[in-house]
Amino acid sequence: MVDQVVNGHHGGLIGSQPTPPTTAGEAKQFRREAGFPTGWLIAPAAIWLIVFLVIPLISIVVFSFWTSSGYGMEPDLTLHHYGEYFHNQGFFIPGDDNFLRPSVFIRSLGSTFYFALVVMVLCLVIGYPIAYFLAMQVKSFKWQLALFLLCMVPFWTSYLIRAVAWIPMLGRRGLFNKMLMGLDIIDKPIGILLYSEFGYTMALVQLYVVLCVGPIFFSLAKIDQAILEAARDMGASIFQIFREIIGPLSLPGVAIGMIFIFVMIMGEFATAVVVYGGKTSTTGTVILNYYAIANYPFAAVNALMLMLSMMIGVVVILKIVDIRKEL
């Protein structure tokens, strides 16, 4: 009787386990029936990328070899616009003012890199402590979520509105000047706040710092608190814990945040026009100006140079921080 109970098969509450296929043909047929064709799964994303990414990029490359007619483009095959982008009159002439001086378009690209690096550093300095506080100091998940959404409030409004909002803040009669005069720090309004590098940089940091806070917050939130407790029990100082555990484990979030900010700043043009008053030349403003006068081929050349620079910058960031290894 006992043997019958031991050897007997019980189907369980939800029935017996299905019998596995015995032959390769049956297994293949079983997998085909349970799955869904892979081609149908990737088709929507592939079509979207081809229509809205691949075709526009190919068009930009093709248009860069065309000729501007003053009101549009004419099909042609010329390197004139590339030569105009890189060539600078008197570059190789000793004693000339432009001797070994890059062209104005390359200098504009360098200016774009400069602002991107400065804003990246400032966003990291401001955003990392915010993300650290949310992930490490706030214990309640509800408060973490509430404070994180509070950081996202600026993104609930239009980007252009956020840029224009800096004008009444930084103007000669703006809030900052009135506050400084009210505190008797200055006697008269100062004009270096608006239409200046300071105001432009401040506006960019405010606009894009949240792109840094998010990825760093999620990287810090994934750190197991037991590891930190073990380090404290072993006598590690706060600095040692940050250097050996928190810092390295948060590097993927830092890298992702820096990539977001870098890509956005490199293509930036609206803030340069609104807050800086168009007094600085970035690649984005150059493309905007040549697009406005219908010189589409030269605008395409600048766009290609900008895209290559962005790719190089992203590759450098990924080389510094191996996201796949850190994750």
Protein backbone atom coordinates (compact mmCIF):
# COMPACT_ATOMS: atom_id res chain seq x y z
CA MET A 1 0.00 0.00 0.00
CA VAL A 2 2.89 2.27 0.88
CA ASP A 3 4.58 1.45 -2.43
CA GLN A 4 1.45 2.43 -4.27
CA VAL A 5 1.37 5.79 -2.49
CA VAL A 6 5.06 6.45 -3.14
CA ASN A 7 5.00 5.38 -6.78
CA GLY A 8 1.63 6.92 -7.51
CA HIS A 9 1.60 10.10 -9.58
CA HIS A 10 -0.20 13.12 -8.18
CA GLY A 11 -1.38 15.68 -10.71
CA GLY A 12 -1.20 18.62 -8.31
CA LEU A 13 -3.66 21.44 -7.98
CA ILE A 14 -3.25 22.66 -11.56
CA GLY A 15 -2.86 19.38 -13.35
CA SER A 16 0.04 17.29 -14.55
CA GLN A 17 3.22 18.73 -15.99
CA PRO A 18 3.21 18.57 -19.82
CA THR A 19 5.23 15.78 -21.35
CA PRO A 20 8.39 17.13 -23.05
CA PRO A 21 8.80 16.40 -26.75
CA THR A 22 10.77 13.25 -27.48
CA THR A 23 12.11 14.08 -30.97
CA ALA A 24 13.76 17.15 -32.52
CA GLY A 25 10.88 17.53 -34.97
CA GLU A 26 8.33 17.66 -32.19
CA ALA A 27 10.44 20.17 -30.23
CA LYS A 28 10.80 22.40 -33.28
CA GLN A 29 7.06 22.24 -33.96
CA PHE A 30 6.28 22.98 -30.31
CA ARG A 31 8.54 26.08 -30.30
CA ARG A 32 7.08 27.35 -33.56
CA GLU A 33 3.52 27.09 -32.27
CA ALA A 34 4.28 28.80 -28.93
CA GLY A 35 6.33 31.68 -30.37
CA PHE A 36 5.70 34.63 -32.65
CA PRO A 37 7.61 35.38 -35.87
CA THR A 38 10.67 37.49 -35.03
CA GLY A 39 10.32 39.52 -38.20
CA TRP A 40 6.92 40.84 -37.15
CA LEU A 41 8.32 41.85 -33.77
CA ILE A 42 11.19 43.95 -35.13
CA ALA A 43 9.36 45.28 -38.21
CA PRO A 44 7.68 48.34 -36.55
CA ALA A 45 10.91 49.54 -34.92
CA ALA A 46 12.93 48.85 -38.06
CA ILE A 47 10.50 50.76 -40.29
CA TRP A 48 10.44 53.67 -37.83
CA LEU A 49 14.25 53.87 -37.73
CA ILE A 50 14.58 53.61 -41.50
CA VAL A 51 11.98 56.29 -42.22
CA PHE A 52 12.87 58.78 -39.49
CA LEU A 53 16.60 58.14 -38.97
CA VAL A 54 18.37 56.34 -41.79
CA ILE A 55 16.70 58.14 -44.71
CA PRO A 56 17.16 61.65 -43.19
CA LEU A 57 20.84 60.93 -42.46
CA ILE A 58 21.41 59.69 -46.00
CA SER A 59 19.62 62.78 -47.31
CA ILE A 60 21.89 65.08 -45.30
CA VAL A 61 24.97 63.36 -46.71
CA VAL A 62 23.63 63.62 -50.28
CA PHE A 63 22.55 67.25 -49.89
CA SER A 64 26.01 68.23 -48.59
CA PHE A 65 27.39 67.57 -52.10
CA TRP A 66 24.70 69.60 -53.88
CA THR A 67 24.93 73.24 -54.92
CA SER A 68 23.00 76.11 -53.35
CA SER A 69 20.95 78.12 -55.83
CA GLY A 70 20.07 80.96 -53.45
CA TYR A 71 16.50 79.76 -53.04
CA GLY A 72 17.10 76.03 -52.65
CA MET A 73 19.39 73.26 -53.92
CA GLU A 74 20.44 71.89 -57.26
CA PRO A 75 21.66 68.31 -57.75
CA ASP A 76 25.42 68.33 -58.17
CA LEU A 77 28.56 66.59 -57.00
CA THR A 78 30.94 69.11 -55.49
CA LEU A 79 33.25 69.38 -52.49
CA HIS A 80 33.05 73.17 -52.48
CA HIS A 81 31.09 73.37 -49.23
CA TYR A 82 33.50 71.04 -47.44
CA GLY A 83 36.41 73.18 -48.61
CA GLU A 84 34.60 76.29 -47.40
CA TYR A 85 34.07 74.65 -44.01
CA PHE A 86 37.73 73.74 -43.43
CA HIS A 87 39.56 76.40 -45.45
CA ASN A 88 40.70 79.63 -43.86
CA GLN A 89 42.28 82.34 -46.01
CA GLY A 90 45.93 82.80 -45.01
CA PHE A 91 46.11 79.66 -42.89
CA PHE A 92 49.56 78.67 -44.21
CA ILE A 93 50.89 82.18 -44.85
CA PRO A 94 53.45 83.24 -42.19
CA GLY A 95 52.80 86.71 -40.85
CA ASP A 96 49.13 86.62 -41.79
CA ASP A 97 46.53 87.17 -39.06
CA ASN A 98 44.99 83.79 -39.88
CA PHE A 99 48.29 81.86 -39.85
CA LEU A 100 47.55 78.39 -38.38
CA ARG A 101 44.17 79.68 -37.24
CA PRO A 102 41.22 77.31 -37.82
CA SER A 103 38.26 78.46 -39.85
CA VAL A 104 35.38 80.22 -38.15
CA PHE A 105 33.22 77.10 -38.50
CA ILE A 106 35.77 74.88 -36.76
CA ARG A 107 36.09 77.51 -34.04
CA SER A 108 32.31 77.47 -33.68
CA LEU A 109 32.47 73.71 -33.22
CA GLY A 110 35.19 74.19 -30.61
CA SER A 111 33.02 76.75 -28.82
CA THR A 112 30.19 74.22 -28.81
CA PHE A 113 32.52 71.62 -27.26
CA TYR A 114 33.61 74.16 -24.64
CA PHE A 115 30.09 74.96 -23.49
CA ALA A 116 29.17 71.26 -23.53
CA LEU A 117 32.10 70.34 -21.26
CA VAL A 118 31.50 73.24 -18.87
CA VAL A 119 27.79 72.44 -18.56
CA MET A 120 28.53 68.73 -18.10
CA VAL A 121 30.88 69.45 -15.20
CA LEU A 122 28.48 71.88 -13.54
CA CYS A 123 25.52 69.52 -13.98
CA LEU A 124 27.55 66.71 -12.41
CA VAL A 125 28.60 68.91 -9.47
CA ILE A 126 24.98 69.98 -8.86
CA GLY A 127 23.13 66.84 -9.91
CA TYR A 128 25.20 64.17 -8.13
CA PRO A 129 24.52 65.48 -4.59
CA ILE A 130 20.81 65.74 -5.40
CA ALA A 131 20.71 62.16 -6.69
CA TYR A 132 22.79 60.98 -3.72
CA PHE A 133 20.41 62.63 -1.26
CA LEU A 134 17.35 61.09 -2.91
CA ALA A 135 18.83 57.59 -3.14
CA MET A 136 20.85 57.35 0.09
CA GLN A 137 19.36 59.75 2.60
CA VAL A 138 15.63 59.53 1.86
CA LYS A 139 14.51 56.14 3.15
CA SER A 140 10.83 56.25 2.26
CA PHE A 141 10.05 55.22 -1.31
CA LYS A 142 7.06 57.57 -1.40
CA TRP A 143 9.24 60.54 -0.48
CA GLN A 144 11.88 59.46 -2.97
CA LEU A 145 9.28 59.36 -5.72
CA ALA A 146 7.73 62.67 -4.68
CA LEU A 147 11.06 64.51 -4.54
CA PHE A 148 12.22 62.96 -7.81
CA LEU A 149 9.03 64.12 -9.52
CA LEU A 150 9.66 67.56 -8.04
CA CYS A 151 13.02 67.58 -9.82
CA MET A 152 11.19 66.73 -13.03
CA VAL A 153 8.79 69.70 -12.74
CA PRO A 154 10.79 71.91 -15.16
CA PHE A 155 10.30 69.28 -17.89
CA TRP A 156 6.54 69.66 -17.58
CA THR A 157 6.76 72.98 -19.42
CA SER A 158 8.00 73.83 -22.88
CA TYR A 159 11.74 74.08 -23.38
CA LEU A 160 11.41 77.47 -25.06
CA ILE A 161 9.30 78.82 -22.19
CA ARG A 162 11.98 77.74 -19.71
CA ALA A 163 14.64 79.50 -21.77
CA VAL A 164 12.62 82.71 -22.16
CA ALA A 165 11.86 82.71 -18.41
CA TRP A 166 15.51 83.60 -17.75
CA ILE A 167 15.10 87.03 -19.39
CA PRO A 168 13.06 88.59 -16.53
CA MET A 169 15.36 86.85 -14.08
CA LEU A 170 18.70 88.08 -15.45
CA GLY A 171 17.78 91.43 -17.06
CA ARG A 172 18.96 94.79 -15.75
CA ARG A 173 15.58 95.18 -14.08
CA GLY A 174 15.27 91.49 -13.37
CA LEU A 175 14.83 89.63 -10.12
CA PHE A 176 18.54 89.01 -9.52
CA ASN A 177 19.50 92.66 -9.91
CA LYS A 178 16.63 93.81 -7.68
CA MET A 179 17.60 91.24 -5.04
CA LEU A 180 21.26 92.31 -5.07
CA MET A 181 20.30 95.98 -4.88
CA GLY A 182 17.84 95.24 -2.07
CA LEU A 183 20.65 93.58 -0.10
CA ASP A 184 22.91 96.62 -0.78
CA ILE A 185 25.45 94.39 -2.53
CA ILE A 186 25.40 96.58 -5.65
CA ASP A 187 24.46 100.22 -6.20
CA LYS A 188 23.19 99.93 -9.75
CA PRO A 189 22.05 97.09 -12.00
CA ILE A 190 24.77 95.01 -13.61
CA GLY A 191 24.49 93.94 -17.21
CA ILE A 192 26.71 90.86 -17.22
CA LEU A 193 23.91 88.52 -16.17
CA LEU A 194 21.87 88.57 -19.38
CA TYR A 195 23.29 88.19 -22.90
CA SER A 196 26.55 86.91 -21.45
CA GLU A 197 28.45 83.66 -21.12
CA PHE A 198 27.51 83.53 -17.43
CA GLY A 199 23.79 83.79 -18.10
CA TYR A 200 23.98 81.35 -21.02
CA THR A 201 25.83 78.76 -18.95
CA MET A 202 23.48 79.18 -15.99
CA ALA A 203 20.44 78.70 -18.21
CA LEU A 204 21.88 75.57 -19.80
CA VAL A 205 22.68 74.04 -16.41
CA GLN A 206 19.15 74.69 -15.15
CA LEU A 207 17.62 73.30 -18.33
CA TYR A 208 19.62 70.06 -18.45
CA VAL A 209 20.69 69.19 -14.90
CA VAL A 210 17.66 66.91 -14.49
CA LEU A 211 19.04 64.72 -17.29
CA CYS A 212 21.96 64.04 -14.97
CA VAL A 213 19.95 63.52 -11.78
CA GLY A 214 17.75 60.74 -13.16
CA PRO A 215 20.36 58.19 -14.32
CA ILE A 216 22.59 58.78 -11.29
CA PHE A 217 19.62 58.37 -8.94
CA PHE A 218 18.67 55.00 -10.46
CA SER A 219 22.28 53.78 -10.31
CA LEU A 220 22.60 54.75 -6.65
CA ALA A 221 19.20 53.29 -5.78
CA LYS A 222 20.32 49.86 -7.03
CA ILE A 223 23.23 49.66 -4.56
CA ASP A 224 22.59 47.00 -1.92
CA GLN A 225 22.52 48.64 1.50
CA ALA A 226 23.90 45.44 3.03
CA ILE A 227 27.21 46.09 1.25
CA LEU A 228 27.43 49.55 2.78
CA GLU A 229 26.58 48.18 6.23
CA ALA A 230 29.28 45.54 5.88
CA ALA A 231 31.82 48.20 4.93
CA ARG A 232 30.87 50.28 7.98
CA ASP A 233 31.15 47.22 10.26
CA MET A 234 34.67 46.65 8.93
CA GLY A 235 35.65 50.18 9.94
CA ALA A 236 35.60 51.89 6.52
CA SER A 237 35.25 55.65 6.58
CA ILE A 238 32.63 57.56 4.61
CA PHE A 239 35.25 58.61 2.10
CA GLN A 240 36.48 55.03 1.67
CA ILE A 241 32.91 53.74 1.19
CA PHE A 242 32.27 56.35 -1.47
CA ARG A 243 35.60 55.76 -3.23
CA GLU A 244 35.45 51.97 -3.23
CA ILE A 245 31.72 51.22 -3.47
CA ILE A 246 29.34 54.09 -4.15
CA GLY A 247 31.48 55.93 -6.72
CA PRO A 248 32.30 52.93 -8.95
CA LEU A 249 28.75 51.54 -8.79
CA SER A 250 27.28 54.91 -9.78
CA LEU A 251 29.56 55.36 -12.81
CA PRO A 252 27.03 53.91 -15.30
CA GLY A 253 24.47 56.52 -14.25
CA VAL A 254 27.09 59.26 -14.46
CA ALA A 255 28.11 58.16 -17.96
CA ILE A 256 24.52 57.95 -19.20
CA GLY A 257 23.71 61.37 -17.75
CA MET A 258 26.80 62.91 -19.33
CA ILE A 259 25.90 61.42 -22.70
CA PHE A 260 22.38 62.87 -22.49
CA ILE A 261 23.70 66.32 -21.60
CA PHE A 262 26.51 66.22 -24.17
CA VAL A 263 24.21 65.30 -27.04
CA MET A 264 21.64 67.95 -26.07
CA ILE A 265 24.20 70.76 -25.64
CA MET A 266 25.97 69.98 -28.91
CA GLY A 267 22.74 70.52 -30.84
CA GLU A 268 21.64 73.50 -28.75
CA PHE A 269 20.69 76.73 -30.52
CA ALA A 270 17.51 78.18 -28.96
CA THR A 271 19.09 79.15 -25.64
CA ALA A 272 22.03 80.74 -27.44
CA VAL A 273 19.62 82.97 -29.33
CA VAL A 274 17.26 83.80 -26.44
CA VAL A 275 19.57 84.05 -23.42
CA TYR A 276 22.88 84.93 -25.10
CA GLY A 277 21.24 87.19 -27.67
CA GLY A 278 22.97 85.44 -30.56
CA LYS A 279 26.33 86.89 -29.49
CA THR A 280 27.99 83.49 -29.43
CA SER A 281 28.53 81.25 -32.41
CA THR A 282 27.81 77.57 -31.92
CA THR A 283 27.35 74.93 -34.56
CA GLY A 284 23.62 74.90 -33.85
CA THR A 285 23.29 78.64 -34.52
CA VAL A 286 25.44 78.32 -37.67
CA ILE A 287 23.11 75.62 -39.02
CA LEU A 288 20.10 77.77 -38.13
CA ASN A 289 21.53 80.82 -39.92
CA TYR A 290 22.40 78.98 -43.13
CA TYR A 291 19.06 77.20 -43.09
CA ALA A 292 17.35 80.60 -42.79
CA ILE A 293 19.04 81.86 -45.98
CA ALA A 294 18.20 78.61 -47.81
CA ASN A 295 21.84 77.50 -48.06
CA TYR A 296 20.88 73.94 -47.29
CA PRO A 297 24.03 72.21 -48.60
CA PHE A 298 26.34 74.17 -46.30
CA ALA A 299 23.93 73.65 -43.40
CA ALA A 300 24.11 69.92 -44.17
CA VAL A 301 27.93 70.03 -44.02
CA ASN A 302 27.82 71.66 -40.59
CA ALA A 303 25.23 69.12 -39.47
CA LEU A 304 27.47 66.24 -40.57
CA MET A 305 30.49 67.68 -38.76
CA LEU A 306 28.35 68.13 -35.67
CA MET A 307 27.08 64.56 -35.87
CA LEU A 308 30.61 63.16 -36.23
CA SER A 309 31.77 65.23 -33.27
CA MET A 310 28.88 63.97 -31.17
CA MET A 311 29.70 60.37 -32.09
CA ILE A 312 33.34 60.88 -31.12
CA GLY A 313 32.33 62.44 -27.81
CA VAL A 314 29.95 59.60 -26.97
CA VAL A 315 32.61 56.99 -27.85
CA VAL A 316 35.12 58.74 -25.59
CA ILE A 317 32.66 58.73 -22.68
CA LEU A 318 31.91 55.04 -23.24
CA LYS A 319 35.64 54.29 -23.36
CA ILE A 320 36.17 56.05 -20.04
CA VAL A 321 33.25 54.20 -18.42
CA ASP A 322 32.47 50.70 -19.70
CA ILE A 323 28.73 50.71 -19.00
CA ARG A 324 28.26 47.01 -19.83
CA LYS A 325 31.06 45.99 -17.48
CA GLU A 326 29.84 48.22 -14.66
CA LEU A 327 26.25 47.04 -14.98
